[in-house]
Amino acid sequence: MAQWGPGKDRRRASANYWYQPMKWNADAEKNGVRPRVFCGSLCDIFDNAVLEEWRSDEA
């Protein structure tokens, strides 16, 4: 099991993982629905231990 918390290495999900909500949004618009999605559980891009490059990624 992965360990997380203060002093632990930060890990990052793939770009594909982060772009999934944009695909869901496009699919929802096409199908005329509006689902609610909670993104970024256990995610903190403003954590001091996160690499600066992670914050500057562009979609």
N, C-alpha and C. Protein backbone atom coordinates (compact mmCIF):
# COMPACT_ATOMS: atom_id res chain seq x y z
N MET A 1 0.85 -1.18 0.00
CA MET A 1 0.00 0.00 0.00
C MET A 1 0.90 1.25 0.00
N ALA A 2 0.48 2.22 -0.75
CA ALA A 2 1.26 3.47 -0.86
C ALA A 2 1.20 4.24 0.45
N GLN A 3 2.28 4.86 0.79
CA GLN A 3 2.35 5.71 1.98
C GLN A 3 2.27 7.16 1.54
N TRP A 4 1.56 7.98 2.28
CA TRP A 4 1.48 9.39 1.96
C TRP A 4 1.45 10.20 3.25
N GLY A 5 1.75 11.46 3.11
CA GLY A 5 1.71 12.35 4.26
C GLY A 5 2.98 13.18 4.35
N PRO A 6 3.14 13.91 5.44
CA PRO A 6 4.31 14.76 5.61
C PRO A 6 5.62 13.97 5.49
N GLY A 7 6.55 14.50 4.70
CA GLY A 7 7.84 13.87 4.55
C GLY A 7 7.90 12.74 3.55
N LYS A 8 6.78 12.35 2.97
CA LYS A 8 6.76 11.27 1.98
C LYS A 8 6.96 11.85 0.58
N ASP A 9 7.48 11.03 -0.32
CA ASP A 9 7.65 11.47 -1.70
C ASP A 9 6.29 11.80 -2.31
N ARG A 10 6.27 12.83 -3.13
CA ARG A 10 5.05 13.20 -3.84
C ARG A 10 5.01 12.43 -5.15
N ARG A 11 3.83 11.95 -5.50
CA ARG A 11 3.68 11.23 -6.76
C ARG A 11 2.65 11.96 -7.60
N ARG A 12 2.72 11.69 -8.85
CA ARG A 12 1.87 12.40 -9.79
C ARG A 12 1.18 11.42 -10.72
N ALA A 13 -0.10 11.65 -10.98
CA ALA A 13 -0.83 10.84 -11.93
C ALA A 13 -0.44 11.25 -13.35
N SER A 14 -0.75 10.41 -14.29
CA SER A 14 -0.41 10.70 -15.68
C SER A 14 -1.25 11.87 -16.21
N ALA A 15 -0.76 12.49 -17.27
CA ALA A 15 -1.50 13.58 -17.91
C ALA A 15 -2.85 13.08 -18.39
N ASN A 16 -2.90 11.86 -18.91
CA ASN A 16 -4.15 11.28 -19.38
C ASN A 16 -5.19 11.24 -18.26
N TYR A 17 -4.76 10.91 -17.07
CA TYR A 17 -5.66 10.86 -15.91
C TYR A 17 -6.26 12.24 -15.64
N TRP A 18 -5.45 13.30 -15.70
CA TRP A 18 -5.94 14.65 -15.41
C TRP A 18 -6.82 15.21 -16.52
N TYR A 19 -6.67 14.71 -17.74
CA TYR A 19 -7.50 15.21 -18.85
C TYR A 19 -8.84 14.49 -18.96
N GLN A 20 -9.05 13.43 -18.19
CA GLN A 20 -10.32 12.70 -18.25
C GLN A 20 -11.54 13.58 -17.97
N PRO A 21 -11.51 14.47 -16.97
CA PRO A 21 -12.69 15.31 -16.73
C PRO A 21 -13.07 16.18 -17.94
N MET A 22 -12.10 16.61 -18.73
CA MET A 22 -12.43 17.38 -19.93
C MET A 22 -13.17 16.51 -20.95
N LYS A 23 -12.77 15.25 -21.04
CA LYS A 23 -13.47 14.31 -21.94
C LYS A 23 -14.89 14.07 -21.41
N TRP A 24 -15.01 13.87 -20.11
CA TRP A 24 -16.35 13.65 -19.53
C TRP A 24 -17.24 14.85 -19.80
N ASN A 25 -16.68 16.07 -19.71
CA ASN A 25 -17.45 17.27 -19.96
C ASN A 25 -17.92 17.33 -21.41
N ALA A 26 -17.04 17.01 -22.33
CA ALA A 26 -17.41 17.00 -23.76
C ALA A 26 -18.49 15.96 -24.02
N ASP A 27 -18.35 14.77 -23.42
CA ASP A 27 -19.35 13.71 -23.59
C ASP A 27 -20.69 14.14 -23.01
N ALA A 28 -20.65 14.78 -21.84
CA ALA A 28 -21.89 15.24 -21.20
C ALA A 28 -22.59 16.29 -22.04
N GLU A 29 -21.81 17.22 -22.59
CA GLU A 29 -22.41 18.26 -23.43
C GLU A 29 -23.06 17.64 -24.67
N LYS A 30 -22.38 16.67 -25.25
CA LYS A 30 -22.91 16.00 -26.43
C LYS A 30 -24.21 15.24 -26.11
N ASN A 31 -24.28 14.66 -24.91
CA ASN A 31 -25.43 13.85 -24.51
C ASN A 31 -26.50 14.65 -23.77
N GLY A 32 -26.25 15.95 -23.54
CA GLY A 32 -27.24 16.79 -22.89
C GLY A 32 -27.44 16.50 -21.41
N VAL A 33 -26.39 16.06 -20.75
CA VAL A 33 -26.47 15.79 -19.31
C VAL A 33 -25.45 16.64 -18.57
N ARG A 34 -25.62 16.75 -17.27
CA ARG A 34 -24.68 17.52 -16.48
C ARG A 34 -24.30 16.74 -15.21
N PRO A 35 -23.37 15.80 -15.34
CA PRO A 35 -22.97 15.04 -14.15
C PRO A 35 -22.09 15.88 -13.24
N ARG A 36 -22.04 15.52 -11.99
CA ARG A 36 -21.16 16.19 -11.04
C ARG A 36 -20.00 15.26 -10.74
N VAL A 37 -18.80 15.82 -10.81
CA VAL A 37 -17.60 15.03 -10.62
C VAL A 37 -16.71 15.74 -9.60
N PHE A 38 -16.24 14.99 -8.61
CA PHE A 38 -15.29 15.54 -7.65
C PHE A 38 -13.90 15.14 -8.11
N CYS A 39 -13.09 16.11 -8.43
CA CYS A 39 -11.73 15.85 -8.93
C CYS A 39 -10.70 16.29 -7.89
N GLY A 40 -9.58 15.63 -7.90
CA GLY A 40 -8.47 16.05 -7.06
C GLY A 40 -8.55 15.59 -5.63
N SER A 41 -9.20 14.47 -5.36
CA SER A 41 -9.21 13.94 -4.01
C SER A 41 -7.76 13.66 -3.59
N LEU A 42 -7.41 14.11 -2.41
CA LEU A 42 -6.05 13.96 -1.88
C LEU A 42 -5.02 14.65 -2.76
N CYS A 43 -5.43 15.73 -3.39
CA CYS A 43 -4.55 16.46 -4.29
C CYS A 43 -4.33 17.87 -3.75
N ASP A 44 -3.10 18.29 -3.76
CA ASP A 44 -2.81 19.66 -3.33
C ASP A 44 -1.65 20.19 -4.15
N ILE A 45 -1.96 20.86 -5.25
CA ILE A 45 -0.90 21.38 -6.12
C ILE A 45 -0.13 22.52 -5.47
N PHE A 46 -0.65 23.05 -4.37
CA PHE A 46 0.04 24.14 -3.69
C PHE A 46 0.87 23.66 -2.51
N ASP A 47 0.98 22.36 -2.36
CA ASP A 47 1.84 21.77 -1.33
C ASP A 47 3.27 22.22 -1.59
N ASN A 48 3.98 22.64 -0.58
CA ASN A 48 5.36 23.11 -0.74
C ASN A 48 6.29 22.04 -1.27
N ALA A 49 5.94 20.76 -1.11
CA ALA A 49 6.80 19.67 -1.57
C ALA A 49 6.55 19.30 -3.03
N VAL A 50 5.56 19.91 -3.68
CA VAL A 50 5.25 19.61 -5.07
C VAL A 50 6.23 20.37 -5.97
N LEU A 51 6.69 19.71 -7.00
CA LEU A 51 7.62 20.35 -7.94
C LEU A 51 6.94 21.51 -8.67
N GLU A 52 7.65 22.59 -8.84
CA GLU A 52 7.11 23.77 -9.52
C GLU A 52 6.65 23.44 -10.94
N GLU A 53 7.36 22.54 -11.62
CA GLU A 53 6.97 22.18 -13.00
C GLU A 53 5.56 21.60 -13.06
N TRP A 54 5.13 20.95 -11.98
CA TRP A 54 3.79 20.36 -11.97
C TRP A 54 2.72 21.45 -12.02
N ARG A 55 3.00 22.59 -11.47
CA ARG A 55 2.02 23.67 -11.46
C ARG A 55 1.94 24.41 -12.79
N SER A 56 2.97 24.31 -13.60
CA SER A 56 3.00 25.08 -14.84
C SER A 56 2.55 24.28 -16.06
N ASP A 57 2.11 23.04 -15.87
CA ASP A 57 1.60 22.27 -17.01
C ASP A 57 0.41 22.96 -17.63
N GLU A 58 0.31 22.87 -18.93
CA GLU A 58 -0.82 23.47 -19.63
C GLU A 58 -1.61 22.38 -20.30
N ALA A 59 -2.91 22.56 -20.32
CA ALA A 59 -3.80 21.59 -20.95
C ALA A 59 -3.75 21.72 -22.46
